[in-house]
Amino acid sequence: MKDERGIALITALVLAMISMAIATTTWYMVLKGTEISGIEKRFTSALGAAKGGLQIAAKVIGSEGTDPTGGLVTVNDPTCFNKKIENMKIDWSPECSASQQNPYVTDSPDLTITLGSYRVLVKIISTTLGTTELGGITETGPRGVVAPYNMVRALTDPRLYRLEVRSESTTNPLDTAELTALYAY
């Protein structure tokens, strides 16, 4: 009888330890799931800001450097920016410094856009001339390429821009999203 009571006690302790391990694992998984859900929500917000900044950047390029938003956009170096939207990368010097020509959007971005609690940085990485199809439309008058109601006049030579975009939360530096885009104009 004594041996049976000892085995019953050991069995009860082992089962209690297994139950505790299962409960601890479940608690850990719930906490990690909540944490991952929060990270995903913040990333989705940052990605939305980056996509919105990309759309605004396309309008700024289409309007040849003017801010069509009424104050959300800062063109950090208008001379370099205009050089970038009008010429291929090989012709950007001397107006654009080495940091303005490198592919890192955080080094001398061309545009800074404020969207709510996000700061969106946009940089033109390269410009290729004459690669987009105008669909047989002549260059005789204004037409709506980026904006409705013929607000933007198309450039004489079509262009293809490679853009790097980064959105950063102003309240949490870990909330970021980055995009690379090709924009044909």
N, C-alpha and C. Protein backbone atom coordinates (compact mmCIF):
# COMPACT_ATOMS: atom_id res chain seq x y z
N MET A 1 0.81 -1.19 0.00
CA MET A 1 0.00 0.00 0.00
C MET A 1 0.85 1.26 0.00
N LYS A 2 1.94 1.24 0.72
CA LYS A 2 2.79 2.43 0.79
C LYS A 2 3.32 2.77 -0.60
N ASP A 3 3.73 1.78 -1.37
CA ASP A 3 4.28 2.02 -2.71
C ASP A 3 3.23 2.62 -3.64
N GLU A 4 1.98 2.18 -3.49
CA GLU A 4 0.92 2.69 -4.36
C GLU A 4 0.64 4.17 -4.06
N ARG A 5 0.69 4.56 -2.80
CA ARG A 5 0.46 5.96 -2.46
C ARG A 5 1.59 6.84 -3.01
N GLY A 6 2.79 6.39 -2.99
CA GLY A 6 3.92 7.15 -3.53
C GLY A 6 3.82 7.32 -5.03
N ILE A 7 3.39 6.26 -5.70
CA ILE A 7 3.22 6.35 -7.16
C ILE A 7 2.08 7.31 -7.49
N ALA A 8 1.00 7.27 -6.75
CA ALA A 8 -0.13 8.17 -6.98
C ALA A 8 0.29 9.63 -6.78
N LEU A 9 1.11 9.88 -5.77
CA LEU A 9 1.60 11.24 -5.52
C LEU A 9 2.50 11.71 -6.66
N ILE A 10 3.40 10.86 -7.10
CA ILE A 10 4.30 11.22 -8.21
C ILE A 10 3.49 11.45 -9.48
N THR A 11 2.51 10.60 -9.75
CA THR A 11 1.66 10.77 -10.94
C THR A 11 0.91 12.09 -10.87
N ALA A 12 0.36 12.43 -9.72
CA ALA A 12 -0.38 13.69 -9.56
C ALA A 12 0.54 14.89 -9.78
N LEU A 13 1.78 14.82 -9.26
CA LEU A 13 2.74 15.92 -9.46
C LEU A 13 3.13 16.06 -10.93
N VAL A 14 3.37 14.95 -11.62
CA VAL A 14 3.73 14.99 -13.05
C VAL A 14 2.58 15.59 -13.85
N LEU A 15 1.34 15.16 -13.56
CA LEU A 15 0.18 15.71 -14.28
C LEU A 15 0.01 17.20 -13.99
N ALA A 16 0.28 17.62 -12.76
CA ALA A 16 0.19 19.04 -12.41
C ALA A 16 1.25 19.85 -13.17
N MET A 17 2.46 19.29 -13.29
CA MET A 17 3.52 19.98 -14.03
C MET A 17 3.18 20.08 -15.52
N ILE A 18 2.62 19.02 -16.08
CA ILE A 18 2.22 19.06 -17.51
C ILE A 18 1.11 20.08 -17.71
N SER A 19 0.15 20.11 -16.80
CA SER A 19 -0.93 21.10 -16.89
C SER A 19 -0.39 22.53 -16.79
N MET A 20 0.55 22.74 -15.90
CA MET A 20 1.16 24.06 -15.73
C MET A 20 1.92 24.46 -17.00
N ALA A 21 2.63 23.52 -17.61
CA ALA A 21 3.36 23.80 -18.85
C ALA A 21 2.40 24.17 -19.97
N ILE A 22 1.29 23.45 -20.08
CA ILE A 22 0.29 23.75 -21.11
C ILE A 22 -0.31 25.13 -20.87
N ALA A 23 -0.64 25.45 -19.63
CA ALA A 23 -1.22 26.77 -19.32
C ALA A 23 -0.22 27.89 -19.60
N THR A 24 1.04 27.68 -19.25
CA THR A 24 2.07 28.70 -19.51
C THR A 24 2.27 28.90 -21.00
N THR A 25 2.31 27.83 -21.76
CA THR A 25 2.47 27.93 -23.22
C THR A 25 1.29 28.66 -23.85
N THR A 26 0.09 28.32 -23.40
CA THR A 26 -1.11 29.00 -23.92
C THR A 26 -1.06 30.49 -23.61
N TRP A 27 -0.70 30.85 -22.39
CA TRP A 27 -0.60 32.26 -22.00
C TRP A 27 0.44 33.00 -22.85
N TYR A 28 1.60 32.37 -23.07
CA TYR A 28 2.67 32.95 -23.89
C TYR A 28 2.18 33.18 -25.33
N MET A 29 1.47 32.19 -25.89
CA MET A 29 0.98 32.31 -27.27
C MET A 29 -0.06 33.43 -27.39
N VAL A 30 -0.90 33.59 -26.40
CA VAL A 30 -1.89 34.67 -26.42
C VAL A 30 -1.19 36.02 -26.37
N LEU A 31 -0.21 36.17 -25.50
CA LEU A 31 0.53 37.44 -25.41
C LEU A 31 1.28 37.75 -26.71
N LYS A 32 1.95 36.75 -27.29
CA LYS A 32 2.68 36.97 -28.54
C LYS A 32 1.72 37.28 -29.68
N GLY A 33 0.56 36.63 -29.72
CA GLY A 33 -0.44 36.92 -30.75
C GLY A 33 -0.93 38.36 -30.68
N THR A 34 -1.14 38.84 -29.47
CA THR A 34 -1.55 40.24 -29.28
C THR A 34 -0.45 41.19 -29.73
N GLU A 35 0.79 40.87 -29.38
CA GLU A 35 1.93 41.70 -29.78
C GLU A 35 2.07 41.74 -31.31
N ILE A 36 1.97 40.60 -31.96
CA ILE A 36 2.10 40.53 -33.41
C ILE A 36 0.94 41.27 -34.08
N SER A 37 -0.24 41.17 -33.51
CA SER A 37 -1.39 41.88 -34.06
C SER A 37 -1.16 43.39 -34.01
N GLY A 38 -0.60 43.89 -32.92
CA GLY A 38 -0.29 45.33 -32.81
C GLY A 38 0.76 45.76 -33.81
N ILE A 39 1.79 44.93 -33.98
CA ILE A 39 2.85 45.24 -34.95
C ILE A 39 2.27 45.29 -36.35
N GLU A 40 1.42 44.32 -36.68
CA GLU A 40 0.81 44.28 -38.01
C GLU A 40 -0.08 45.50 -38.25
N LYS A 41 -0.81 45.92 -37.23
CA LYS A 41 -1.67 47.10 -37.36
C LYS A 41 -0.83 48.35 -37.63
N ARG A 42 0.27 48.50 -36.88
CA ARG A 42 1.13 49.67 -37.09
C ARG A 42 1.79 49.63 -38.47
N PHE A 43 2.23 48.44 -38.91
CA PHE A 43 2.83 48.33 -40.24
C PHE A 43 1.82 48.66 -41.32
N THR A 44 0.59 48.21 -41.17
CA THR A 44 -0.45 48.51 -42.15
C THR A 44 -0.68 50.02 -42.23
N SER A 45 -0.66 50.70 -41.10
CA SER A 45 -0.81 52.17 -41.11
C SER A 45 0.38 52.83 -41.81
N ALA A 46 1.58 52.36 -41.51
CA ALA A 46 2.78 52.93 -42.14
C ALA A 46 2.78 52.66 -43.64
N LEU A 47 2.34 51.47 -44.04
CA LEU A 47 2.27 51.13 -45.46
C LEU A 47 1.24 52.00 -46.17
N GLY A 48 0.12 52.25 -45.52
CA GLY A 48 -0.89 53.15 -46.09
C GLY A 48 -0.34 54.56 -46.29
N ALA A 49 0.43 55.04 -45.33
CA ALA A 49 1.05 56.36 -45.45
C ALA A 49 2.05 56.37 -46.60
N ALA A 50 2.82 55.30 -46.74
CA ALA A 50 3.81 55.22 -47.84
C ALA A 50 3.10 55.22 -49.20
N LYS A 51 2.02 54.48 -49.32
CA LYS A 51 1.27 54.45 -50.59
C LYS A 51 0.65 55.82 -50.89
N GLY A 52 0.11 56.47 -49.85
CA GLY A 52 -0.44 57.81 -50.04
C GLY A 52 0.64 58.80 -50.44
N GLY A 53 1.82 58.69 -49.81
CA GLY A 53 2.94 59.55 -50.17
C GLY A 53 3.39 59.33 -51.60
N LEU A 54 3.34 58.08 -52.06
CA LEU A 54 3.71 57.76 -53.43
C LEU A 54 2.74 58.42 -54.41
N GLN A 55 1.46 58.38 -54.11
CA GLN A 55 0.48 59.04 -54.98
C GLN A 55 0.69 60.55 -55.02
N ILE A 56 0.98 61.14 -53.88
CA ILE A 56 1.25 62.58 -53.84
C ILE A 56 2.52 62.90 -54.61
N ALA A 57 3.56 62.07 -54.46
CA ALA A 57 4.82 62.29 -55.19
C ALA A 57 4.58 62.26 -56.70
N ALA A 58 3.72 61.35 -57.17
CA ALA A 58 3.40 61.30 -58.59
C ALA A 58 2.76 62.60 -59.05
N LYS A 59 1.90 63.17 -58.22
CA LYS A 59 1.27 64.46 -58.58
C LYS A 59 2.29 65.59 -58.58
N VAL A 60 3.24 65.56 -57.63
CA VAL A 60 4.28 66.60 -57.59
C VAL A 60 5.17 66.49 -58.83
N ILE A 61 5.54 65.28 -59.22
CA ILE A 61 6.34 65.08 -60.44
C ILE A 61 5.55 65.55 -61.65
N GLY A 62 4.28 65.20 -61.71
CA GLY A 62 3.44 65.61 -62.83
C GLY A 62 3.24 67.12 -62.92
N SER A 63 3.31 67.79 -61.79
CA SER A 63 3.15 69.24 -61.80
C SER A 63 4.50 69.95 -61.80
N GLU A 64 5.55 69.18 -62.12
CA GLU A 64 6.92 69.70 -62.26
C GLU A 64 7.43 70.41 -61.02
N GLY A 65 7.17 69.81 -59.86
CA GLY A 65 7.77 70.31 -58.62
C GLY A 65 6.90 71.21 -57.78
N THR A 66 5.70 71.54 -58.22
CA THR A 66 4.83 72.36 -57.38
C THR A 66 4.01 71.45 -56.48
N ASP A 67 3.58 72.00 -55.35
CA ASP A 67 2.82 71.23 -54.37
C ASP A 67 1.33 71.34 -54.67
N PRO A 68 0.72 70.28 -55.20
CA PRO A 68 -0.72 70.33 -55.50
C PRO A 68 -1.59 70.08 -54.27
N THR A 69 -0.98 69.83 -53.11
CA THR A 69 -1.74 69.48 -51.91
C THR A 69 -2.02 70.67 -51.01
N GLY A 70 -1.36 71.77 -51.24
CA GLY A 70 -1.58 72.95 -50.40
C GLY A 70 -0.81 72.93 -49.10
N GLY A 71 0.40 72.39 -49.09
CA GLY A 71 1.24 72.49 -47.91
C GLY A 71 1.69 71.19 -47.28
N LEU A 72 1.29 70.04 -47.80
CA LEU A 72 1.73 68.77 -47.22
C LEU A 72 3.14 68.38 -47.67
N VAL A 73 3.58 68.95 -48.80
CA VAL A 73 4.83 68.52 -49.43
C VAL A 73 5.89 69.60 -49.30
N THR A 74 7.12 69.15 -48.97
CA THR A 74 8.28 70.03 -49.01
C THR A 74 9.25 69.45 -50.03
N VAL A 75 9.57 70.26 -51.05
CA VAL A 75 10.61 69.87 -51.99
C VAL A 75 11.92 70.34 -51.37
N ASN A 76 12.75 69.41 -50.95
CA ASN A 76 13.92 69.76 -50.16
C ASN A 76 14.99 70.54 -50.92
N ASP A 77 15.18 70.25 -52.19
CA ASP A 77 16.13 71.00 -53.03
C ASP A 77 15.50 71.13 -54.41
N PRO A 78 14.75 72.22 -54.65
CA PRO A 78 14.03 72.36 -55.92
C PRO A 78 14.92 72.28 -57.16
N THR A 79 16.14 72.79 -57.09
CA THR A 79 17.04 72.75 -58.25
C THR A 79 17.38 71.31 -58.60
N CYS A 80 17.78 70.54 -57.62
CA CYS A 80 18.11 69.13 -57.84
C CYS A 80 16.87 68.35 -58.26
N PHE A 81 15.72 68.61 -57.61
CA PHE A 81 14.50 67.89 -57.95
C PHE A 81 14.11 68.11 -59.40
N ASN A 82 14.16 69.36 -59.84
CA ASN A 82 13.83 69.66 -61.24
C ASN A 82 14.82 69.00 -62.20
N LYS A 83 16.07 68.96 -61.82
CA LYS A 83 17.09 68.28 -62.64
C LYS A 83 16.76 66.79 -62.75
N LYS A 84 16.32 66.19 -61.64
CA LYS A 84 15.99 64.77 -61.63
C LYS A 84 14.76 64.46 -62.48
N ILE A 85 13.74 65.31 -62.46
CA ILE A 85 12.54 64.99 -63.22
C ILE A 85 12.69 65.29 -64.71
N GLU A 86 13.69 66.07 -65.07
CA GLU A 86 13.87 66.43 -66.47
C GLU A 86 15.00 65.68 -67.17
N ASN A 87 15.93 65.08 -66.42
CA ASN A 87 17.13 64.50 -67.03
C ASN A 87 17.41 63.09 -66.51
N MET A 88 18.21 62.37 -67.30
CA MET A 88 18.67 61.06 -66.86
C MET A 88 19.68 61.24 -65.74
N LYS A 89 19.93 60.18 -64.98
CA LYS A 89 20.80 60.25 -63.80
C LYS A 89 22.21 60.73 -64.13
N ILE A 90 22.72 60.37 -65.26
CA ILE A 90 24.08 60.76 -65.64
C ILE A 90 24.22 62.28 -65.74
N ASP A 91 23.11 62.98 -65.96
CA ASP A 91 23.13 64.43 -66.12
C ASP A 91 22.71 65.20 -64.86
N TRP A 92 22.59 64.52 -63.72
CA TRP A 92 22.15 65.20 -62.49
C TRP A 92 23.22 66.08 -61.86
N SER A 93 24.48 65.80 -62.08
CA SER A 93 25.55 66.62 -61.51
C SER A 93 25.72 67.87 -62.36
N PRO A 94 26.13 68.97 -61.84
CA PRO A 94 26.55 69.27 -60.47
C PRO A 94 25.41 69.73 -59.57
N GLU A 95 24.18 69.84 -60.10
CA GLU A 95 23.07 70.34 -59.29
C GLU A 95 22.75 69.44 -58.11
N CYS A 96 22.97 68.13 -58.27
CA CYS A 96 22.65 67.17 -57.21
C CYS A 96 23.94 66.61 -56.61
N SER A 97 24.01 66.64 -55.28
CA SER A 97 25.20 66.13 -54.59
C SER A 97 25.21 64.60 -54.62
N ALA A 98 26.30 64.02 -54.15
CA ALA A 98 26.43 62.56 -54.11
C ALA A 98 25.35 61.95 -53.22
N SER A 99 25.05 62.57 -52.08
CA SER A 99 24.01 62.01 -51.20
C SER A 99 22.62 62.12 -51.83
N GLN A 100 22.41 63.10 -52.70
CA GLN A 100 21.13 63.22 -53.38
C GLN A 100 21.00 62.21 -54.52
N GLN A 101 22.11 61.64 -54.96
CA GLN A 101 22.09 60.68 -56.06
C GLN A 101 22.16 59.23 -55.60
N ASN A 102 22.53 58.99 -54.33
CA ASN A 102 22.63 57.60 -53.89
C ASN A 102 21.22 57.01 -53.71
N PRO A 103 21.11 55.68 -53.63
CA PRO A 103 19.78 55.06 -53.59
C PRO A 103 19.11 55.01 -52.21
N TYR A 104 19.69 55.65 -51.20
CA TYR A 104 19.14 55.58 -49.85
C TYR A 104 18.19 56.76 -49.61
N VAL A 105 16.93 56.45 -49.42
CA VAL A 105 15.92 57.49 -49.30
C VAL A 105 16.12 58.37 -48.07
N THR A 106 16.75 57.84 -47.02
CA THR A 106 16.97 58.64 -45.82
C THR A 106 18.11 59.64 -45.98
N ASP A 107 18.97 59.44 -46.98
CA ASP A 107 20.05 60.39 -47.28
C ASP A 107 19.51 61.41 -48.29
N SER A 108 19.25 62.60 -47.85
CA SER A 108 18.81 63.69 -48.72
C SER A 108 17.60 63.32 -49.58
N PRO A 109 16.44 63.08 -48.97
CA PRO A 109 15.24 62.79 -49.79
C PRO A 109 14.85 64.00 -50.63
N ASP A 110 14.22 63.74 -51.77
CA ASP A 110 13.78 64.83 -52.64
C ASP A 110 12.52 65.50 -52.09
N LEU A 111 11.62 64.69 -51.56
CA LEU A 111 10.35 65.21 -51.03
C LEU A 111 10.16 64.73 -49.60
N THR A 112 9.61 65.59 -48.77
CA THR A 112 9.16 65.21 -47.44
C THR A 112 7.68 65.55 -47.37
N ILE A 113 6.87 64.54 -47.08
CA ILE A 113 5.41 64.70 -47.07
C ILE A 113 4.91 64.37 -45.66
N THR A 114 4.07 65.23 -45.12
CA THR A 114 3.49 65.00 -43.79
C THR A 114 2.06 64.52 -43.96
N LEU A 115 1.81 63.29 -43.50
CA LEU A 115 0.47 62.70 -43.56
C LEU A 115 0.07 62.25 -42.16
N GLY A 116 -0.67 63.08 -41.47
CA GLY A 116 -1.07 62.76 -40.11
C GLY A 116 0.14 62.62 -39.21
N SER A 117 0.26 61.48 -38.56
CA SER A 117 1.41 61.25 -37.67
C SER A 117 2.56 60.56 -38.39
N TYR A 118 2.54 60.58 -39.71
CA TYR A 118 3.61 59.95 -40.49
C TYR A 118 4.35 60.98 -41.33
N ARG A 119 5.65 60.79 -41.41
CA ARG A 119 6.50 61.59 -42.29
C ARG A 119 6.93 60.63 -43.41
N VAL A 120 6.65 61.04 -44.64
CA VAL A 120 6.95 60.20 -45.80
C VAL A 120 8.10 60.84 -46.57
N LEU A 121 9.16 60.07 -46.80
CA LEU A 121 10.33 60.52 -47.55
C LEU A 121 10.29 59.88 -48.93
N VAL A 122 10.52 60.68 -49.96
CA VAL A 122 10.49 60.18 -51.34
C VAL A 122 11.77 60.63 -52.03
N LYS A 123 12.37 59.72 -52.78
CA LYS A 123 13.59 60.04 -53.50
C LYS A 123 13.53 59.43 -54.90
N ILE A 124 13.84 60.25 -55.90
CA ILE A 124 13.96 59.74 -57.27
C ILE A 124 15.34 59.10 -57.37
N ILE A 125 15.38 57.82 -57.71
CA ILE A 125 16.63 57.08 -57.79
C ILE A 125 17.18 57.11 -59.21
N SER A 126 16.29 57.06 -60.20
CA SER A 126 16.74 57.13 -61.59
C SER A 126 15.62 57.66 -62.47
N THR A 127 16.01 58.23 -63.58
CA THR A 127 15.08 58.72 -64.58
C THR A 127 15.52 58.17 -65.93
N THR A 128 14.56 57.58 -66.64
CA THR A 128 14.83 57.08 -67.98
C THR A 128 13.95 57.85 -68.94
N LEU A 129 14.54 58.38 -70.00
CA LEU A 129 13.79 59.19 -70.96
C LEU A 129 13.22 58.34 -72.08
N GLY A 130 12.04 58.74 -72.56
CA GLY A 130 11.47 58.19 -73.78
C GLY A 130 11.06 56.74 -73.74
N THR A 131 10.62 56.23 -72.60
CA THR A 131 10.25 54.82 -72.53
C THR A 131 8.77 54.58 -72.35
N THR A 132 7.97 55.62 -72.19
CA THR A 132 6.54 55.42 -71.99
C THR A 132 5.78 55.75 -73.26
N GLU A 133 4.67 55.06 -73.48
CA GLU A 133 3.85 55.24 -74.66
C GLU A 133 2.78 56.28 -74.36
N LEU A 134 2.63 57.25 -75.25
CA LEU A 134 1.63 58.30 -75.06
C LEU A 134 0.29 57.95 -75.69
N GLY A 135 0.20 56.80 -76.34
CA GLY A 135 -1.07 56.36 -76.90
C GLY A 135 -1.53 57.20 -78.07
N GLY A 136 -0.63 57.81 -78.81
CA GLY A 136 -0.99 58.58 -79.99
C GLY A 136 -1.48 59.98 -79.69
N ILE A 137 -1.47 60.40 -78.44
CA ILE A 137 -1.94 61.74 -78.08
C ILE A 137 -0.84 62.74 -78.41
N THR A 138 -1.22 63.82 -79.04
CA THR A 138 -0.23 64.84 -79.40
C THR A 138 0.06 65.73 -78.21
N GLU A 139 1.11 66.53 -78.33
CA GLU A 139 1.56 67.41 -77.26
C GLU A 139 1.01 68.82 -77.39
N THR A 140 -0.15 69.00 -78.05
CA THR A 140 -0.61 70.34 -78.35
C THR A 140 -1.35 71.03 -77.22
N GLY A 141 -1.79 70.31 -76.23
CA GLY A 141 -2.54 70.99 -75.18
C GLY A 141 -2.53 70.22 -73.89
N PRO A 142 -3.11 70.83 -72.86
CA PRO A 142 -3.11 70.16 -71.56
C PRO A 142 -4.02 68.93 -71.58
N ARG A 143 -3.65 67.97 -70.77
CA ARG A 143 -4.49 66.79 -70.60
C ARG A 143 -4.22 66.21 -69.22
N GLY A 144 -5.14 65.43 -68.72
CA GLY A 144 -5.01 64.89 -67.37
C GLY A 144 -4.25 63.58 -67.34
N VAL A 145 -2.97 63.64 -67.02
CA VAL A 145 -2.17 62.43 -66.90
C VAL A 145 -2.21 61.93 -65.46
N VAL A 146 -2.03 62.82 -64.50
CA VAL A 146 -2.03 62.42 -63.10
C VAL A 146 -3.24 62.98 -62.37
N ALA A 147 -3.76 64.09 -62.79
CA ALA A 147 -4.87 64.73 -62.10
C ALA A 147 -6.06 64.81 -63.05
N PRO A 148 -7.26 64.79 -62.50
CA PRO A 148 -8.45 64.89 -63.35
C PRO A 148 -8.64 66.29 -63.91
N TYR A 149 -9.52 66.40 -64.88
CA TYR A 149 -9.95 67.67 -65.44
C TYR A 149 -8.82 68.46 -66.08
N ASN A 150 -7.87 67.78 -66.70
CA ASN A 150 -6.81 68.44 -67.46
C ASN A 150 -6.04 69.47 -66.64
N MET A 151 -5.74 69.17 -65.40
CA MET A 151 -5.02 70.12 -64.55
C MET A 151 -3.51 70.08 -64.77
N VAL A 152 -2.99 69.00 -65.34
CA VAL A 152 -1.55 68.84 -65.46
C VAL A 152 -1.18 68.69 -66.93
N ARG A 153 -0.22 69.45 -67.38
CA ARG A 153 0.26 69.35 -68.74
C ARG A 153 1.34 68.27 -68.80
N ALA A 154 1.25 67.42 -69.80
CA ALA A 154 2.22 66.34 -69.92
C ALA A 154 3.56 66.88 -70.40
N LEU A 155 4.64 66.22 -69.99
CA LEU A 155 5.96 66.57 -70.47
C LEU A 155 6.09 66.18 -71.94
N THR A 156 6.92 66.90 -72.68
CA THR A 156 7.10 66.61 -74.09
C THR A 156 7.69 65.23 -74.29
N ASP A 157 8.70 64.87 -73.52
CA ASP A 157 9.31 63.55 -73.61
C ASP A 157 8.79 62.69 -72.46
N PRO A 158 8.28 61.50 -72.78
CA PRO A 158 7.84 60.63 -71.69
C PRO A 158 9.03 60.17 -70.85
N ARG A 159 8.75 59.86 -69.58
CA ARG A 159 9.81 59.46 -68.66
C ARG A 159 9.36 58.30 -67.78
N LEU A 160 10.33 57.57 -67.29
CA LEU A 160 10.10 56.49 -66.33
C LEU A 160 10.97 56.78 -65.12
N TYR A 161 10.35 56.89 -63.95
CA TYR A 161 11.06 57.23 -62.72
C TYR A 161 11.07 56.02 -61.78
N ARG A 162 12.21 55.77 -61.17
CA ARG A 162 12.29 54.79 -60.08
C ARG A 162 12.30 55.59 -58.79
N LEU A 163 11.34 55.32 -57.91
CA LEU A 163 11.18 56.06 -56.67
C LEU A 163 11.37 55.13 -55.48
N GLU A 164 12.04 55.65 -54.46
CA GLU A 164 12.13 54.97 -53.17
C GLU A 164 11.29 55.78 -52.19
N VAL A 165 10.45 55.10 -51.42
CA VAL A 165 9.54 55.76 -50.49
C VAL A 165 9.70 55.11 -49.11
N ARG A 166 9.75 55.94 -48.08
CA ARG A 166 9.82 55.44 -46.70
C ARG A 166 8.88 56.28 -45.84
N SER A 167 8.00 55.61 -45.13
CA SER A 167 7.15 56.32 -44.17
C SER A 167 7.61 55.99 -42.76
N GLU A 168 7.60 56.99 -41.91
CA GLU A 168 8.04 56.85 -40.52
C GLU A 168 7.02 57.52 -39.62
N SER A 169 6.66 56.83 -38.56
CA SER A 169 5.77 57.43 -37.57
C SER A 169 6.54 58.48 -36.79
N THR A 170 5.91 59.61 -36.54
CA THR A 170 6.56 60.65 -35.75
C THR A 170 6.48 60.34 -34.26
N THR A 171 5.61 59.39 -33.88
CA THR A 171 5.46 59.05 -32.46
C THR A 171 6.21 57.78 -32.07
N ASN A 172 6.46 56.88 -33.02
CA ASN A 172 7.16 55.64 -32.73
C ASN A 172 8.14 55.34 -33.88
N PRO A 173 9.43 55.48 -33.66
CA PRO A 173 10.40 55.29 -34.74
C PRO A 173 10.45 53.88 -35.30
N LEU A 174 9.83 52.92 -34.63
CA LEU A 174 9.82 51.54 -35.14
C LEU A 174 8.71 51.31 -36.17
N ASP A 175 7.76 52.23 -36.26
CA ASP A 175 6.67 52.09 -37.22
C ASP A 175 7.10 52.67 -38.56
N THR A 176 7.58 51.81 -39.45
CA THR A 176 8.06 52.25 -40.75
C THR A 176 7.58 51.29 -41.83
N ALA A 177 7.59 51.78 -43.06
CA ALA A 177 7.34 50.94 -44.23
C ALA A 177 8.12 51.55 -45.38
N GLU A 178 8.61 50.69 -46.27
CA GLU A 178 9.38 51.15 -47.43
C GLU A 178 8.81 50.55 -48.70
N LEU A 179 8.82 51.34 -49.76
CA LEU A 179 8.35 50.90 -51.07
C LEU A 179 9.35 51.31 -52.13
N THR A 180 9.40 50.53 -53.19
CA THR A 180 10.11 50.91 -54.41
C THR A 180 9.06 50.91 -55.51
N ALA A 181 9.03 51.96 -56.31
CA ALA A 181 8.01 52.05 -57.34
C ALA A 181 8.59 52.56 -58.65
N LEU A 182 7.98 52.15 -59.74
CA LEU A 182 8.27 52.71 -61.06
C LEU A 182 7.08 53.55 -61.44
N TYR A 183 7.35 54.78 -61.82
CA TYR A 183 6.28 55.70 -62.19
C TYR A 183 6.53 56.16 -63.62
N ALA A 184 5.59 55.89 -64.50
CA ALA A 184 5.70 56.29 -65.90
C ALA A 184 4.90 57.56 -66.11
N TYR A 185 5.54 58.55 -66.73
CA TYR A 185 4.88 59.82 -67.00
C TYR A 185 5.18 60.23 -68.41
